C-alpha atoms as a PDB file:
ATOM      1  CA  UNK A   1     -41.389  41.420-183.800  1.00  0.00           C
ATOM      2  CA  UNK A   2     -43.467  40.404-186.852  1.00  0.00           C
ATOM      3  CA  UNK A   3     -41.788  43.092-188.902  1.00  0.00           C
ATOM      4  CA  UNK A   4     -38.453  41.388-188.161  1.00  0.00           C
ATOM      5  CA  UNK A   5     -39.640  37.811-188.816  1.00  0.00           C
ATOM      6  CA  UNK A   6     -41.443  38.438-192.116  1.00  0.00           C
ATOM      7  CA  UNK A   7     -38.350  39.612-194.040  1.00  0.00           C
ATOM      8  CA  UNK A   8     -36.426  36.598-192.650  1.00  0.00           C
ATOM      9  CA  UNK A   9     -39.137  34.196-193.839  1.00  0.00           C
ATOM     10  CA  UNK A  10     -39.021  35.748-197.295  1.00  0.00           C
ATOM     11  CA  UNK A  11     -35.297  35.094-197.402  1.00  0.00           C
ATOM     12  CA  UNK A  12     -35.550  31.349-196.629  1.00  0.00           C
ATOM     13  CA  UNK A  13     -36.222  30.104-200.208  1.00  0.00           C
ATOM     14  CA  UNK A  14     -33.350  32.261-201.442  1.00  0.00           C
ATOM     15  CA  UNK A  15     -30.980  30.776-198.877  1.00  0.00           C
ATOM     16  CA  UNK A  16     -32.095  27.233-199.776  1.00  0.00           C
ATOM     17  CA  UNK A  17     -31.646  27.821-203.486  1.00  0.00           C
ATOM     18  CA  UNK A  18     -28.159  29.184-202.933  1.00  0.00           C
ATOM     19  CA  UNK A  19     -27.221  26.010-201.109  1.00  0.00           C
ATOM     20  CA  UNK A  20     -28.653  23.958-203.976  1.00  0.00           C
ATOM     21  CA  UNK A  21     -31.175  22.205-201.726  1.00  0.00           C
ATOM     22  CA  UNK A  22     -34.325  20.855-203.395  1.00  0.00           C
ATOM     23  CA  UNK A  23     -37.553  22.450-202.202  1.00  0.00           C
ATOM     24  CA  UNK A  24     -38.905  19.135-200.858  1.00  0.00           C
ATOM     25  CA  UNK A  25     -38.448  17.598-197.431  1.00  0.00           C
ATOM     26  CA  UNK A  26     -36.034  14.680-197.248  1.00  0.00           C
ATOM     27  CA  UNK A  27     -38.833  12.239-196.434  1.00  0.00           C
ATOM     28  CA  UNK A  28     -40.499  12.856-199.813  1.00  0.00           C
ATOM     29  CA  UNK A  29     -37.621  12.020-202.138  1.00  0.00           C
ATOM     30  CA  UNK A  30     -38.735  11.064-205.639  1.00  0.00           C
ATOM     31  CA  UNK A  31     -36.755   9.539-208.498  1.00  0.00           C
ATOM     32  CA  UNK A  32     -37.132   9.514-212.255  1.00  0.00           C
ATOM     33  CA  UNK A  33     -35.078   7.990-215.036  1.00  0.00           C
ATOM     34  CA  UNK A  34     -34.394  10.298-217.967  1.00  0.00           C
ATOM     35  CA  UNK A  35     -32.330  10.310-221.137  1.00  0.00           C
ATOM     36  CA  UNK A  36     -31.593  12.546-224.121  1.00  0.00           C
ATOM     37  CA  UNK A  37     -33.380  15.878-223.812  1.00  0.00           C
ATOM     38  CA  UNK A  38     -35.143  14.877-220.610  1.00  0.00           C
ATOM     39  CA  UNK A  39     -37.391  12.107-221.923  1.00  0.00           C
ATOM     40  CA  UNK A  40     -38.854  10.150-219.013  1.00  0.00           C
ATOM     41  CA  UNK A  41     -38.149   6.411-219.018  1.00  0.00           C
ATOM     42  CA  UNK A  42     -40.638   3.930-217.594  1.00  0.00           C
ATOM     43  CA  UNK A  43     -41.350   0.233-217.961  1.00  0.00           C
ATOM     44  CA  UNK A  44     -44.162   1.142-220.370  1.00  0.00           C
ATOM     45  CA  UNK A  45     -41.836   2.944-222.774  1.00  0.00           C
ATOM     46  CA  UNK A  46     -38.762   0.734-222.616  1.00  0.00           C
ATOM     47  CA  UNK A  47     -37.299  -2.627-223.557  1.00  0.00           C
ATOM     48  CA  UNK A  48     -36.557  -5.357-221.023  1.00  0.00           C
ATOM     49  CA  UNK A  49     -33.375  -3.630-219.844  1.00  0.00           C
ATOM     50  CA  UNK A  50     -32.609   0.078-220.079  1.00  0.00           C
ATOM     51  CA  UNK A  51     -30.141   2.677-218.812  1.00  0.00           C
ATOM     52  CA  UNK A  52     -31.093   6.146-217.602  1.00  0.00           C
ATOM     53  CA  UNK A  53     -29.762   9.124-215.654  1.00  0.00           C
ATOM     54  CA  UNK A  54     -31.254   9.446-212.171  1.00  0.00           C
ATOM     55  CA  UNK A  55     -33.155  12.693-211.532  1.00  0.00           C
ATOM     56  CA  UNK A  56     -34.018  13.492-207.899  1.00  0.00           C
ATOM     57  CA  UNK A  57     -37.155  15.497-207.089  1.00  0.00           C
ATOM     58  CA  UNK A  58     -37.354  16.656-210.709  1.00  0.00           C
ATOM     59  CA  UNK A  59     -34.542  19.118-210.125  1.00  0.00           C
ATOM     60  CA  UNK A  60     -31.192  17.444-209.509  1.00  0.00           C
ATOM     61  CA  UNK A  61     -28.914  14.767-210.936  1.00  0.00           C
ATOM     62  CA  UNK A  62     -27.744  12.090-208.518  1.00  0.00           C
ATOM     63  CA  UNK A  63     -24.088  12.060-207.450  1.00  0.00           C
ATOM     64  CA  UNK A  64     -22.409   9.010-205.870  1.00  0.00           C
ATOM     65  CA  UNK A  65     -22.683   8.917-202.054  1.00  0.00           C
ATOM     66  CA  UNK A  66     -18.966   9.687-201.871  1.00  0.00           C
ATOM     67  CA  UNK A  67     -16.101  10.008-204.289  1.00  0.00           C
ATOM     68  CA  UNK A  68     -15.720   6.626-205.904  1.00  0.00           C
ATOM     69  CA  UNK A  69     -18.549   5.238-203.755  1.00  0.00           C
ATOM     70  CA  UNK A  70     -21.587   3.189-204.737  1.00  0.00           C
ATOM     71  CA  UNK A  71     -25.184   3.092-203.591  1.00  0.00           C
ATOM     72  CA  UNK A  72     -26.607  -0.051-202.021  1.00  0.00           C
ATOM     73  CA  UNK A  73     -28.641  -2.407-204.146  1.00  0.00           C
ATOM     74  CA  UNK A  74     -31.720  -1.483-202.063  1.00  0.00           C
ATOM     75  CA  UNK A  75     -31.472   2.182-203.062  1.00  0.00           C
ATOM     76  CA  UNK A  76     -30.823   1.320-206.716  1.00  0.00           C
ATOM     77  CA  UNK A  77     -33.817  -1.036-206.654  1.00  0.00           C
ATOM     78  CA  UNK A  78     -36.012   1.759-205.273  1.00  0.00           C
ATOM     79  CA  UNK A  79     -34.873   4.071-208.077  1.00  0.00           C
ATOM     80  CA  UNK A  80     -35.831   1.505-210.731  1.00  0.00           C
ATOM     81  CA  UNK A  81     -39.044   0.400-209.054  1.00  0.00           C
ATOM     82  CA  UNK A  82     -40.288   3.979-208.794  1.00  0.00           C
ATOM     83  CA  UNK A  83     -40.345   3.880-212.615  1.00  0.00           C
ATOM     84  CA  UNK A  84     -42.171   0.556-212.684  1.00  0.00           C
ATOM     85  CA  UNK A  85     -39.249  -1.810-213.308  1.00  0.00           C
ATOM     86  CA  UNK A  86     -38.668  -5.077-211.481  1.00  0.00           C
ATOM     87  CA  UNK A  87     -35.289  -3.949-210.174  1.00  0.00           C
ATOM     88  CA  UNK A  88     -31.774  -2.685-210.813  1.00  0.00           C
ATOM     89  CA  UNK A  89     -28.889  -4.520-212.441  1.00  0.00           C
ATOM     90  CA  UNK A  90     -25.557  -4.098-210.669  1.00  0.00           C
ATOM     91  CA  UNK A  91     -23.316  -2.256-210.866  1.00  0.00           C
ATOM     92  CA  UNK A  92     -24.541   1.303-211.409  1.00  0.00           C
ATOM     93  CA  UNK A  93     -22.654   3.258-214.074  1.00  0.00           C
ATOM     94  CA  UNK A  94     -21.731   6.902-214.522  1.00  0.00           C
ATOM     95  CA  UNK A  95     -22.500   9.521-217.161  1.00  0.00           C
ATOM     96  CA  UNK A  96     -18.931   9.401-218.480  1.00  0.00           C
ATOM     97  CA  UNK A  97     -18.919   5.685-219.418  1.00  0.00           C
ATOM     98  CA  UNK A  98     -22.343   5.011-220.960  1.00  0.00           C
ATOM     99  CA  UNK A  99     -23.381   5.857-224.506  1.00  0.00           C
ATOM    100  CA  UNK A 100     -25.114   9.163-225.211  1.00  0.00           C
ATOM    101  CA  UNK A 101     -28.463   7.473-225.891  1.00  0.00           C
ATOM    102  CA  UNK A 102     -28.442   5.952-222.381  1.00  0.00           C
ATOM    103  CA  UNK A 103     -28.304   9.164-220.308  1.00  0.00           C
ATOM    104  CA  UNK A 104     -29.342  12.801-220.413  1.00  0.00           C
ATOM    105  CA  UNK A 105     -27.549  15.207-222.704  1.00  0.00           C
ATOM    106  CA  UNK A 106     -25.184  17.871-221.419  1.00  0.00           C
ATOM    107  CA  UNK A 107     -27.392  20.606-222.863  1.00  0.00           C
ATOM    108  CA  UNK A 108     -30.502  19.370-221.078  1.00  0.00           C
ATOM    109  CA  UNK A 109     -28.645  19.083-217.756  1.00  0.00           C
ATOM    110  CA  UNK A 110     -26.964  22.485-218.037  1.00  0.00           C
ATOM    111  CA  UNK A 111     -28.905  24.139-215.203  1.00  0.00           C
ATOM    112  CA  UNK A 112     -29.414  21.064-213.001  1.00  0.00           C
ATOM    113  CA  UNK A 113     -28.056  20.883-209.467  1.00  0.00           C
ATOM    114  CA  UNK A 114     -26.244  17.852-208.075  1.00  0.00           C
ATOM    115  CA  UNK A 115     -27.177  15.968-204.902  1.00  0.00           C
ATOM    116  CA  UNK A 116     -26.430  12.734-203.108  1.00  0.00           C
ATOM    117  CA  UNK A 117     -28.813  10.817-200.874  1.00  0.00           C
ATOM    118  CA  UNK A 118     -28.590   8.506-197.904  1.00  0.00           C
ATOM    119  CA  UNK A 119     -31.353   6.282-196.580  1.00  0.00           C
ATOM    120  CA  UNK A 120     -32.213   3.525-194.163  1.00  0.00           C
ATOM    121  CA  UNK A 121     -34.319   1.034-196.136  1.00  0.00           C
ATOM    122  CA  UNK A 122     -35.988  -2.246-195.188  1.00  0.00           C
ATOM    123  CA  UNK A 123     -34.864  -5.361-196.982  1.00  0.00           C
ATOM    124  CA  UNK A 124     -35.898  -5.370-200.648  1.00  0.00           C
ATOM    125  CA  UNK A 125     -37.938  -2.120-200.679  1.00  0.00           C
ATOM    126  CA  UNK A 126     -40.387  -1.325-203.481  1.00  0.00           C
ATOM    127  CA  UNK A 127     -41.239   2.371-202.906  1.00  0.00           C
ATOM    128  CA  UNK A 128     -39.130   5.333-201.809  1.00  0.00           C
ATOM    129  CA  UNK A 129     -41.518   6.082-198.940  1.00  0.00           C
ATOM    130  CA  UNK A 130     -40.531   2.771-197.346  1.00  0.00           C
ATOM    131  CA  UNK A 131     -37.076   4.229-196.684  1.00  0.00           C
ATOM    132  CA  UNK A 132     -36.116   6.852-194.119  1.00  0.00           C
ATOM    133  CA  UNK A 133     -34.126   9.500-195.971  1.00  0.00           C
ATOM    134  CA  UNK A 134     -31.429  11.292-194.007  1.00  0.00           C
ATOM    135  CA  UNK A 135     -31.797  15.020-194.678  1.00  0.00           C
ATOM    136  CA  UNK A 136     -28.297  15.699-193.310  1.00  0.00           C
ATOM    137  CA  UNK A 137     -26.909  13.792-196.281  1.00  0.00           C
ATOM    138  CA  UNK A 138     -29.312  15.194-198.836  1.00  0.00           C
ATOM    139  CA  UNK A 139     -27.257  18.101-200.061  1.00  0.00           C
ATOM    140  CA  UNK A 140     -25.566  19.706-203.012  1.00  0.00           C
ATOM    141  CA  UNK A 141     -22.370  17.855-203.836  1.00  0.00           C
ATOM    142  CA  UNK A 142     -19.281  19.032-205.571  1.00  0.00           C
ATOM    143  CA  UNK A 143     -19.660  16.452-208.338  1.00  0.00           C
ATOM    144  CA  UNK A 144     -19.226  16.831-212.063  1.00  0.00           C
ATOM    145  CA  UNK A 145     -21.957  15.716-214.463  1.00  0.00           C
ATOM    146  CA  UNK A 146     -19.508  13.056-215.683  1.00  0.00           C
ATOM    147  CA  UNK A 147     -19.720  11.405-212.245  1.00  0.00           C
ATOM    148  CA  UNK A 148     -23.518  11.399-211.954  1.00  0.00           C
ATOM    149  CA  UNK A 149     -25.256   8.058-211.568  1.00  0.00           C
ATOM    150  CA  UNK A 150     -26.706   6.153-214.516  1.00  0.00           C
ATOM    151  CA  UNK A 151     -28.644   3.093-213.429  1.00  0.00           C
ATOM    152  CA  UNK A 152     -29.561  -0.005-215.427  1.00  0.00           C
ATOM    153  CA  UNK A 153     -33.135  -1.146-214.771  1.00  0.00           C
ATOM    154  CA  UNK A 154     -34.750  -4.358-215.902  1.00  0.00           C
ATOM    155  CA  UNK A 155     -38.190  -5.817-216.455  1.00  0.00           C
ATOM    156  CA  UNK A 156     -36.741  -9.315-216.287  1.00  0.00           C
ATOM    157  CA  UNK A 157     -37.150 -11.138-213.027  1.00  0.00           C
ATOM    158  CA  UNK A 158     -33.993 -13.212-213.453  1.00  0.00           C
ATOM    159  CA  UNK A 159     -30.469 -12.432-214.671  1.00  0.00           C
ATOM    160  CA  UNK A 160     -27.444 -14.674-215.094  1.00  0.00           C
ATOM    161  CA  UNK A 161     -24.557 -13.307-213.036  1.00  0.00           C
ATOM    162  CA  UNK A 162     -21.974 -16.094-213.227  1.00  0.00           C
ATOM    163  CA  UNK A 163     -21.159 -19.766-213.771  1.00  0.00           C
ATOM    164  CA  UNK A 164     -19.358 -22.584-211.985  1.00  0.00           C
ATOM    165  CA  UNK A 165     -18.367 -26.082-213.137  1.00  0.00           C
ATOM    166  CA  UNK A 166     -18.346 -28.389-210.116  1.00  0.00           C
ATOM    167  CA  UNK A 167     -17.972 -32.094-209.398  1.00  0.00           C
ATOM    168  CA  UNK A 168     -17.964 -34.548-206.497  1.00  0.00           C
ATOM    169  CA  UNK A 169     -16.903 -35.407-203.930  1.00  0.00           C
ATOM    170  CA  UNK A 170     -17.241 -31.955-202.352  1.00  0.00           C
ATOM    171  CA  UNK A 171     -18.383 -29.651-205.129  1.00  0.00           C
ATOM    172  CA  UNK A 172     -14.820 -28.948-206.199  1.00  0.00           C
ATOM    173  CA  UNK A 173     -13.951 -26.911-209.253  1.00  0.00           C
ATOM    174  CA  UNK A 174     -13.810 -29.564-211.943  1.00  0.00           C
ATOM    175  CA  UNK A 175     -10.535 -28.205-213.342  1.00  0.00           C
ATOM    176  CA  UNK A 176      -8.867 -29.304-210.106  1.00  0.00           C
ATOM    177  CA  UNK A 177      -9.852 -32.915-210.792  1.00  0.00           C
ATOM    178  CA  UNK A 178      -8.097 -35.321-213.123  1.00  0.00           C
ATOM    179  CA  UNK A 179     -11.150 -35.995-215.295  1.00  0.00           C
ATOM    180  CA  UNK A 180     -12.001 -32.343-216.080  1.00  0.00           C
ATOM    181  CA  UNK A 181     -15.673 -33.319-216.286  1.00  0.00           C
ATOM    182  CA  UNK A 182     -18.184 -31.409-214.220  1.00  0.00           C
ATOM    183  CA  UNK A 183     -21.713 -30.077-213.819  1.00  0.00           C
ATOM    184  CA  UNK A 184     -22.134 -26.472-214.991  1.00  0.00           C
ATOM    185  CA  UNK A 185     -24.177 -24.319-212.635  1.00  0.00           C
ATOM    186  CA  UNK A 186     -25.671 -20.966-213.587  1.00  0.00           C
ATOM    187  CA  UNK A 187     -25.684 -18.349-210.834  1.00  0.00           C
ATOM    188  CA  UNK A 188     -29.067 -16.654-211.089  1.00  0.00           C
ATOM    189  CA  UNK A 189     -30.091 -13.348-209.511  1.00  0.00           C
ATOM    190  CA  UNK A 190     -33.770 -12.806-208.701  1.00  0.00           C
ATOM    191  CA  UNK A 191     -34.401  -9.088-209.211  1.00  0.00           C
ATOM    192  CA  UNK A 192     -37.780  -9.222-207.499  1.00  0.00           C
ATOM    193  CA  UNK A 193     -36.745 -11.056-204.329  1.00  0.00           C
ATOM    194  CA  UNK A 194     -33.164  -9.687-204.217  1.00  0.00           C
ATOM    195  CA  UNK A 195     -31.596 -13.129-203.785  1.00  0.00           C
ATOM    196  CA  UNK A 196     -29.145 -15.301-205.735  1.00  0.00           C
ATOM    197  CA  UNK A 197     -29.258 -19.044-206.253  1.00  0.00           C
ATOM    198  CA  UNK A 198     -27.712 -21.721-208.479  1.00  0.00           C
ATOM    199  CA  UNK A 199     -29.379 -23.809-211.153  1.00  0.00           C
ATOM    200  CA  UNK A 200     -28.341 -26.703-213.346  1.00  0.00           C
ATOM    201  CA  UNK A 201     -29.004 -26.361-217.105  1.00  0.00           C
ATOM    202  CA  UNK A 202     -31.249 -28.763-219.017  1.00  0.00           C
ATOM    203  CA  UNK A 203     -29.513 -31.017-221.529  1.00  0.00           C
ATOM    204  CA  UNK A 204     -30.864 -30.843-225.089  1.00  0.00           C
ATOM    205  CA  UNK A 205     -29.274 -32.827-227.921  1.00  0.00           C
ATOM    206  CA  UNK A 206     -30.621 -34.381-231.107  1.00  0.00           C
ATOM    207  CA  UNK A 207     -27.361 -34.977-232.951  1.00  0.00           C
ATOM    208  CA  UNK A 208     -28.042 -32.188-235.435  1.00  0.00           C
ATOM    209  CA  UNK A 209     -29.473 -28.699-234.975  1.00  0.00           C
ATOM    210  CA  UNK A 210     -28.652 -28.423-231.292  1.00  0.00           C
ATOM    211  CA  UNK A 211     -25.089 -29.724-231.511  1.00  0.00           C
ATOM    212  CA  UNK A 212     -23.589 -26.348-232.511  1.00  0.00           C
ATOM    213  CA  UNK A 213     -25.584 -24.581-229.811  1.00  0.00           C
ATOM    214  CA  UNK A 214     -24.312 -27.054-227.241  1.00  0.00           C
ATOM    215  CA  UNK A 215     -20.719 -26.578-228.354  1.00  0.00           C
ATOM    216  CA  UNK A 216     -21.089 -22.787-228.230  1.00  0.00           C
ATOM    217  CA  UNK A 217     -22.485 -23.037-224.716  1.00  0.00           C
ATOM    218  CA  UNK A 218     -19.771 -25.424-223.537  1.00  0.00           C
ATOM    219  CA  UNK A 219     -16.942 -23.288-224.939  1.00  0.00           C
ATOM    220  CA  UNK A 220     -18.438 -20.089-223.529  1.00  0.00           C
ATOM    221  CA  UNK A 221     -18.923 -21.468-220.018  1.00  0.00           C
ATOM    222  CA  UNK A 222     -15.564 -23.284-219.920  1.00  0.00           C
ATOM    223  CA  UNK A 223     -13.707 -20.149-220.997  1.00  0.00           C
ATOM    224  CA  UNK A 224     -15.712 -18.055-218.497  1.00  0.00           C
ATOM    225  CA  UNK A 225     -14.762 -20.383-215.609  1.00  0.00           C
ATOM    226  CA  UNK A 226     -11.175 -21.342-216.533  1.00  0.00           C
ATOM    227  CA  UNK A 227     -10.035 -18.274-218.471  1.00  0.00           C
ATOM    228  CA  UNK A 228     -10.109 -17.050-222.040  1.00  0.00           C
ATOM    229  CA  UNK A 229      -6.940 -18.993-222.917  1.00  0.00           C
ATOM    230  CA  UNK A 230      -8.215 -22.317-221.597  1.00  0.00           C
ATOM    231  CA  UNK A 231      -7.400 -25.282-223.814  1.00  0.00           C
ATOM    232  CA  UNK A 232     -10.629 -26.667-225.240  1.00  0.00           C
ATOM    233  CA  UNK A 233     -11.222 -30.267-226.258  1.00  0.00           C
ATOM    234  CA  UNK A 234     -12.724 -30.400-229.729  1.00  0.00           C
ATOM    235  CA  UNK A 235     -11.947 -30.651-233.407  1.00  0.00           C
ATOM    236  CA  UNK A 236     -12.681 -33.130-236.143  1.00  0.00           C
ATOM    237  CA  UNK A 237     -11.567 -36.142-234.046  1.00  0.00           C
ATOM    238  CA  UNK A 238     -14.397 -35.636-231.552  1.00  0.00           C
ATOM    239  CA  UNK A 239     -18.168 -35.392-231.684  1.00  0.00           C
ATOM    240  CA  UNK A 240     -20.171 -33.213-229.320  1.00  0.00           C
ATOM    241  CA  UNK A 241     -21.281 -36.344-227.464  1.00  0.00           C
ATOM    242  CA  UNK A 242     -17.625 -37.052-226.557  1.00  0.00           C
ATOM    243  CA  UNK A 243     -17.530 -34.070-224.201  1.00  0.00           C
ATOM    244  CA  UNK A 244     -21.185 -33.293-223.477  1.00  0.00           C
ATOM    245  CA  UNK A 245     -23.421 -35.726-221.578  1.00  0.00           C
ATOM    246  CA  UNK A 246     -26.629 -35.971-219.594  1.00  0.00           C
ATOM    247  CA  UNK A 247     -26.217 -36.064-215.819  1.00  0.00           C
ATOM    248  CA  UNK A 248     -27.595 -39.599-215.700  1.00  0.00           C
ATOM    249  CA  UNK A 249     -25.002 -40.890-218.191  1.00  0.00           C
ATOM    250  CA  UNK A 250     -21.826 -39.898-216.353  1.00  0.00           C
ATOM    251  CA  UNK A 251     -20.034 -41.344-213.315  1.00  0.00           C
ATOM    252  CA  UNK A 252     -20.408 -40.069-209.754  1.00  0.00           C
ATOM    253  CA  UNK A 253     -16.929 -38.532-209.547  1.00  0.00           C
ATOM    254  CA  UNK A 254     -17.497 -36.513-212.721  1.00  0.00           C
ATOM    255  CA  UNK A 255     -20.622 -34.643-211.642  1.00  0.00           C
ATOM    256  CA  UNK A 256     -22.420 -33.170-208.677  1.00  0.00           C
ATOM    257  CA  UNK A 257     -24.433 -35.710-206.722  1.00  0.00           C
ATOM    258  CA  UNK A 258     -28.127 -35.395-205.981  1.00  0.00           C
ATOM    259  CA  UNK A 259     -27.258 -35.164-202.283  1.00  0.00           C
ATOM    260  CA  UNK A 260     -24.965 -32.176-202.846  1.00  0.00           C
ATOM    261  CA  UNK A 261     -27.574 -30.377-204.910  1.00  0.00           C
ATOM    262  CA  UNK A 262     -30.290 -30.976-202.320  1.00  0.00           C
ATOM    263  CA  UNK A 263     -28.097 -29.837-199.430  1.00  0.00           C
ATOM    264  CA  UNK A 264     -27.111 -26.667-201.307  1.00  0.00           C
ATOM    265  CA  UNK A 265     -30.593 -25.844-202.691  1.00  0.00           C
ATOM    266  CA  UNK A 266     -29.537 -26.112-206.330  1.00  0.00           C
ATOM    267  CA  UNK A 267     -32.500 -25.459-208.631  1.00  0.00           C
ATOM    268  CA  UNK A 268     -33.374 -27.026-211.990  1.00  0.00           C
ATOM    269  CA  UNK A 269     -35.077 -24.113-213.725  1.00  0.00           C
ATOM    270  CA  UNK A 270     -32.800 -23.014-216.605  1.00  0.00           C
ATOM    271  CA  UNK A 271     -34.290 -24.880-219.558  1.00  0.00           C
ATOM    272  CA  UNK A 272     -31.922 -23.494-222.211  1.00  0.00           C
ATOM    273  CA  UNK A 273     -29.102 -21.021-222.814  1.00  0.00           C
ATOM    274  CA  UNK A 274     -28.296 -19.920-226.356  1.00  0.00           C
ATOM    275  CA  UNK A 275     -24.889 -18.436-227.113  1.00  0.00           C
ATOM    276  CA  UNK A 276     -24.363 -17.369-230.723  1.00  0.00           C
ATOM    277  CA  UNK A 277     -20.615 -18.060-230.781  1.00  0.00           C
ATOM    278  CA  UNK A 278     -18.026 -19.995-228.797  1.00  0.00           C
ATOM    279  CA  UNK A 279     -16.569 -16.743-227.526  1.00  0.00           C
ATOM    280  CA  UNK A 280     -19.676 -15.135-226.009  1.00  0.00           C
ATOM    281  CA  UNK A 281     -19.900 -14.060-222.386  1.00  0.00           C
ATOM    282  CA  UNK A 282     -22.439 -16.667-221.192  1.00  0.00           C
ATOM    283  CA  UNK A 283     -23.955 -14.248-218.666  1.00  0.00           C
ATOM    284  CA  UNK A 284     -25.124 -12.201-221.674  1.00  0.00           C
ATOM    285  CA  UNK A 285     -26.507 -15.132-223.677  1.00  0.00           C
ATOM    286  CA  UNK A 286     -30.238 -15.537-224.207  1.00  0.00           C
ATOM    287  CA  UNK A 287     -31.738 -17.980-221.732  1.00  0.00           C
ATOM    288  CA  UNK A 288     -35.082 -19.557-220.949  1.00  0.00           C
ATOM    289  CA  UNK A 289     -36.459 -20.628-217.596  1.00  0.00           C
ATOM    290  CA  UNK A 290     -39.587 -22.068-216.093  1.00  0.00           C
ATOM    291  CA  UNK A 291     -41.383 -19.192-214.340  1.00  0.00           C
ATOM    292  CA  UNK A 292     -43.600 -21.437-212.233  1.00  0.00           C
ATOM    293  CA  UNK A 293     -41.156 -23.922-210.718  1.00  0.00           C
ATOM    294  CA  UNK A 294     -37.579 -24.059-209.455  1.00  0.00           C
ATOM    295  CA  UNK A 295     -37.627 -27.753-210.378  1.00  0.00           C
ATOM    296  CA  UNK A 296     -38.851 -27.801-213.991  1.00  0.00           C
ATOM    297  CA  UNK A 297     -36.919 -30.940-214.938  1.00  0.00           C
ATOM    298  CA  UNK A 298     -35.092 -33.847-213.323  1.00  0.00           C
ATOM    299  CA  UNK A 299     -31.474 -33.457-212.242  1.00  0.00           C
ATOM    300  CA  UNK A 300     -30.737 -36.518-214.394  1.00  0.00           C
ATOM    301  CA  UNK A 301     -31.543 -34.352-217.437  1.00  0.00           C
ATOM    302  CA  UNK A 302     -28.955 -31.691-216.583  1.00  0.00           C
ATOM    303  CA  UNK A 303     -25.888 -30.797-218.657  1.00  0.00           C
ATOM    304  CA  UNK A 304     -22.454 -32.170-217.818  1.00  0.00           C
ATOM    305  CA  UNK A 305     -19.395 -31.527-219.923  1.00  0.00           C
ATOM    306  CA  UNK A 306     -15.658 -31.726-220.211  1.00  0.00           C
ATOM    307  CA  UNK A 307     -13.654 -28.587-220.852  1.00  0.00           C
ATOM    308  CA  UNK A 308     -10.182 -29.938-221.659  1.00  0.00           C
END
């Protein structure tokens, strides 16, 4: 009997390698971020935000879970956090669309296998061992290197993901109101806690240096909310103060009320946003926040402005 079993046992690694299966059990899945000729990316060797190809168990590139499919934010967070980052920035990208310095080279990946993974993770996991990895879905996939996953990881706790301009009485889009005044709200994603919330933006104006920054910010947010072809109030006939005001200095119908902001848990933590031109995407503009308090300033000191 032993003479029959021993040859079969010797064949097992060969069978596994032919199927493209990694030599590890599914419950010990590991992830690394790599780029170029296999250089490992970690939070100690990278800038605040970085892209990298996902390498599974040091042997395989990661395919999407299905053709055209996407991994959950929990799994992408695990991938980034295994390399020491705070979390992942959505959405994940693919090898075909990112620049060559943001993913592994074709030459380095020539002999890699391709796998997809599936897992049951708790909310907001930090380590891969917190998830239960399904070995039935941990297999070689018929995926091209062009389709393999490239993830964007960040060391920043917060990211801007959108903007709204709202006004009373019910938090309506200010463009639906006759005045066109409103309170801009930044939609903020917390990479560490995996939650989103809204914050007003602190008003800063001294009549000089900050006036161009304020106009850039107003144009950028108005065009983001109402469209790139939105008509913008401005020009030599107007000063910045004609269409940019503190929350305290504008009427109830032209802003969000304190009651609305309290009921909807609106924060006051974004202390500044700096857009370099009027045509910037405001979600990509440099911003500052108070790391110790969601209420770093009074709502009365928040921005309000008119778009058109």
